[in-house]
Amino acid sequence: MKKYDYKELTEKLERCKNIDLKDVTLDDVDDIKDMKIDRRKSRDERILDFISKTKNPYIFKVNGKLVRIRFSEDSNLTADDCLTRCLENLYK
């Protein structure tokens, strides 16, 4: 496995997760279509690569729009639960 500076990556995550979306421009983030993930690597290494290579792992652009991802503090919710809840709210 490639060597990573875990302290640096942890600091980057903390710094990036607290950025206000109003302070971000399209030039500040990576375009999702340009993100390459090597599926031959282990899950952990893919995550570490993604965090280290992206400008902000929480904010990116999709079709010219800013997209922010956040994670629930509720450890009982899965990503599927969150996406389902989001879609249900959109199509009420």
C-alpha atoms as a PDB file:
ATOM      1  CA  MET A   1       0.000   0.000   0.000  1.00  0.00           C
ATOM      2  CA  LYS A   2       1.197   3.490  -0.885  1.00  0.00           C
ATOM      3  CA  LYS A   3       2.418   5.596   2.039  1.00  0.00           C
ATOM      4  CA  TYR A   4      -0.015   8.287   3.146  1.00  0.00           C
ATOM      5  CA  ASP A   5       0.388  11.068   5.656  1.00  0.00           C
ATOM      6  CA  TYR A   6      -2.635  10.211   7.797  1.00  0.00           C
ATOM      7  CA  LYS A   7      -2.290  13.296   9.970  1.00  0.00           C
ATOM      8  CA  GLU A   8      -2.296  15.529   6.898  1.00  0.00           C
ATOM      9  CA  LEU A   9      -5.309  13.713   5.401  1.00  0.00           C
ATOM     10  CA  THR A  10      -7.213  13.969   8.690  1.00  0.00           C
ATOM     11  CA  GLU A  11      -6.505  17.697   8.874  1.00  0.00           C
ATOM     12  CA  LYS A  12      -7.629  18.111   5.254  1.00  0.00           C
ATOM     13  CA  LEU A  13     -10.902  16.313   5.988  1.00  0.00           C
ATOM     14  CA  GLU A  14     -11.601  18.507   9.009  1.00  0.00           C
ATOM     15  CA  ARG A  15     -10.751  21.681   7.106  1.00  0.00           C
ATOM     16  CA  CYS A  16     -12.805  20.722   4.039  1.00  0.00           C
ATOM     17  CA  LYS A  17     -15.895  19.497   5.856  1.00  0.00           C
ATOM     18  CA  ASN A  18     -16.377  22.843   7.588  1.00  0.00           C
ATOM     19  CA  ILE A  19     -16.151  25.021   4.464  1.00  0.00           C
ATOM     20  CA  ASP A  20     -19.316  27.011   3.819  1.00  0.00           C
ATOM     21  CA  LEU A  21     -20.712  26.271   0.364  1.00  0.00           C
ATOM     22  CA  LYS A  22     -21.292  30.007  -0.150  1.00  0.00           C
ATOM     23  CA  ASP A  23     -17.508  30.471  -0.050  1.00  0.00           C
ATOM     24  CA  VAL A  24     -16.842  27.924  -2.817  1.00  0.00           C
ATOM     25  CA  THR A  25     -16.687  28.618  -6.561  1.00  0.00           C
ATOM     26  CA  LEU A  26     -16.751  26.089  -9.383  1.00  0.00           C
ATOM     27  CA  ASP A  27     -13.015  26.644  -9.900  1.00  0.00           C
ATOM     28  CA  ASP A  28     -12.337  25.634  -6.276  1.00  0.00           C
ATOM     29  CA  VAL A  29     -13.508  22.048  -6.756  1.00  0.00           C
ATOM     30  CA  ASP A  30     -12.877  19.017  -8.941  1.00  0.00           C
ATOM     31  CA  ASP A  31     -15.291  17.925 -11.654  1.00  0.00           C
ATOM     32  CA  ILE A  32     -16.628  14.457 -10.936  1.00  0.00           C
ATOM     33  CA  LYS A  33     -16.144  13.425 -14.583  1.00  0.00           C
ATOM     34  CA  ASP A  34     -12.387  13.985 -14.181  1.00  0.00           C
ATOM     35  CA  MET A  35     -12.071  11.863 -11.036  1.00  0.00           C
ATOM     36  CA  LYS A  36     -10.427   8.531 -11.711  1.00  0.00           C
ATOM     37  CA  ILE A  37     -10.628   5.651  -9.234  1.00  0.00           C
ATOM     38  CA  ASP A  38      -8.470   2.573  -9.631  1.00  0.00           C
ATOM     39  CA  ARG A  39     -10.872  -0.264  -8.859  1.00  0.00           C
ATOM     40  CA  ARG A  40      -7.983  -2.733  -8.585  1.00  0.00           C
ATOM     41  CA  LYS A  41      -6.895  -1.154  -5.305  1.00  0.00           C
ATOM     42  CA  SER A  42      -8.336  -2.097  -1.955  1.00  0.00           C
ATOM     43  CA  ARG A  43     -11.329  -0.157  -0.642  1.00  0.00           C
ATOM     44  CA  ASP A  44      -9.194   1.613   1.951  1.00  0.00           C
ATOM     45  CA  GLU A  45      -6.566   2.621  -0.584  1.00  0.00           C
ATOM     46  CA  ARG A  46      -9.223   3.929  -2.991  1.00  0.00           C
ATOM     47  CA  ILE A  47     -10.612   6.101  -0.186  1.00  0.00           C
ATOM     48  CA  LEU A  48      -7.167   7.400   0.748  1.00  0.00           C
ATOM     49  CA  ASP A  49      -6.338   8.113  -2.913  1.00  0.00           C
ATOM     50  CA  PHE A  50      -9.600  10.002  -3.342  1.00  0.00           C
ATOM     51  CA  ILE A  51      -9.026  12.135  -0.238  1.00  0.00           C
ATOM     52  CA  SER A  52      -5.431  12.904  -1.168  1.00  0.00           C
ATOM     53  CA  LYS A  53      -6.087  13.691  -4.854  1.00  0.00           C
ATOM     54  CA  THR A  54      -9.208  15.846  -4.619  1.00  0.00           C
ATOM     55  CA  LYS A  55      -9.231  19.515  -3.727  1.00  0.00           C
ATOM     56  CA  ASN A  56     -12.164  18.937  -1.385  1.00  0.00           C
ATOM     57  CA  PRO A  57     -13.529  15.417  -0.880  1.00  0.00           C
ATOM     58  CA  TYR A  58     -16.871  16.805   0.338  1.00  0.00           C
ATOM     59  CA  ILE A  59     -17.606  19.215  -2.528  1.00  0.00           C
ATOM     60  CA  PHE A  60     -17.322  18.626  -6.259  1.00  0.00           C
ATOM     61  CA  LYS A  61     -19.091  19.677  -9.426  1.00  0.00           C
ATOM     62  CA  VAL A  62     -21.504  17.646 -11.506  1.00  0.00           C
ATOM     63  CA  ASN A  63     -22.689  19.082 -14.828  1.00  0.00           C
ATOM     64  CA  GLY A  64     -21.533  22.548 -13.767  1.00  0.00           C
ATOM     65  CA  LYS A  65     -23.324  22.469 -10.397  1.00  0.00           C
ATOM     66  CA  LEU A  66     -21.751  22.350  -6.949  1.00  0.00           C
ATOM     67  CA  VAL A  67     -22.587  19.195  -5.021  1.00  0.00           C
ATOM     68  CA  ARG A  68     -21.839  18.732  -1.342  1.00  0.00           C
ATOM     69  CA  ILE A  69     -21.875  15.413   0.460  1.00  0.00           C
ATOM     70  CA  ARG A  70     -22.348  15.092   4.186  1.00  0.00           C
ATOM     71  CA  PHE A  71     -22.563  12.158   6.493  1.00  0.00           C
ATOM     72  CA  SER A  72     -25.074  11.626   9.227  1.00  0.00           C
ATOM     73  CA  GLU A  73     -23.945  11.539  12.822  1.00  0.00           C
ATOM     74  CA  ASP A  74     -26.573   8.819  13.282  1.00  0.00           C
ATOM     75  CA  SER A  75     -24.552   5.641  12.854  1.00  0.00           C
ATOM     76  CA  ASN A  76     -27.750   3.626  12.336  1.00  0.00           C
ATOM     77  CA  LEU A  77     -28.407   5.247   8.950  1.00  0.00           C
ATOM     78  CA  THR A  78     -26.877   3.815   5.800  1.00  0.00           C
ATOM     79  CA  ALA A  79     -26.086   5.720   2.612  1.00  0.00           C
ATOM     80  CA  ASP A  80     -29.107   3.981   1.057  1.00  0.00           C
ATOM     81  CA  ASP A  81     -31.325   5.244   3.894  1.00  0.00           C
ATOM     82  CA  CYS A  82     -30.109   8.805   3.356  1.00  0.00           C
ATOM     83  CA  LEU A  83     -30.572   8.702  -0.417  1.00  0.00           C
ATOM     84  CA  THR A  84     -34.023   7.151  -0.073  1.00  0.00           C
ATOM     85  CA  ARG A  85     -35.050   9.840   2.403  1.00  0.00           C
ATOM     86  CA  CYS A  86     -33.728  12.531   0.054  1.00  0.00           C
ATOM     87  CA  LEU A  87     -35.666  11.146  -2.919  1.00  0.00           C
ATOM     88  CA  GLU A  88     -38.824  10.777  -0.841  1.00  0.00           C
ATOM     89  CA  ASN A  89     -38.575  14.444   0.172  1.00  0.00           C
ATOM     90  CA  LEU A  90     -38.049  15.531  -3.443  1.00  0.00           C
ATOM     91  CA  TYR A  91     -41.052  13.649  -4.780  1.00  0.00           C
ATOM     92  CA  LYS A  92     -43.640  14.315  -2.053  1.00  0.00           C
END
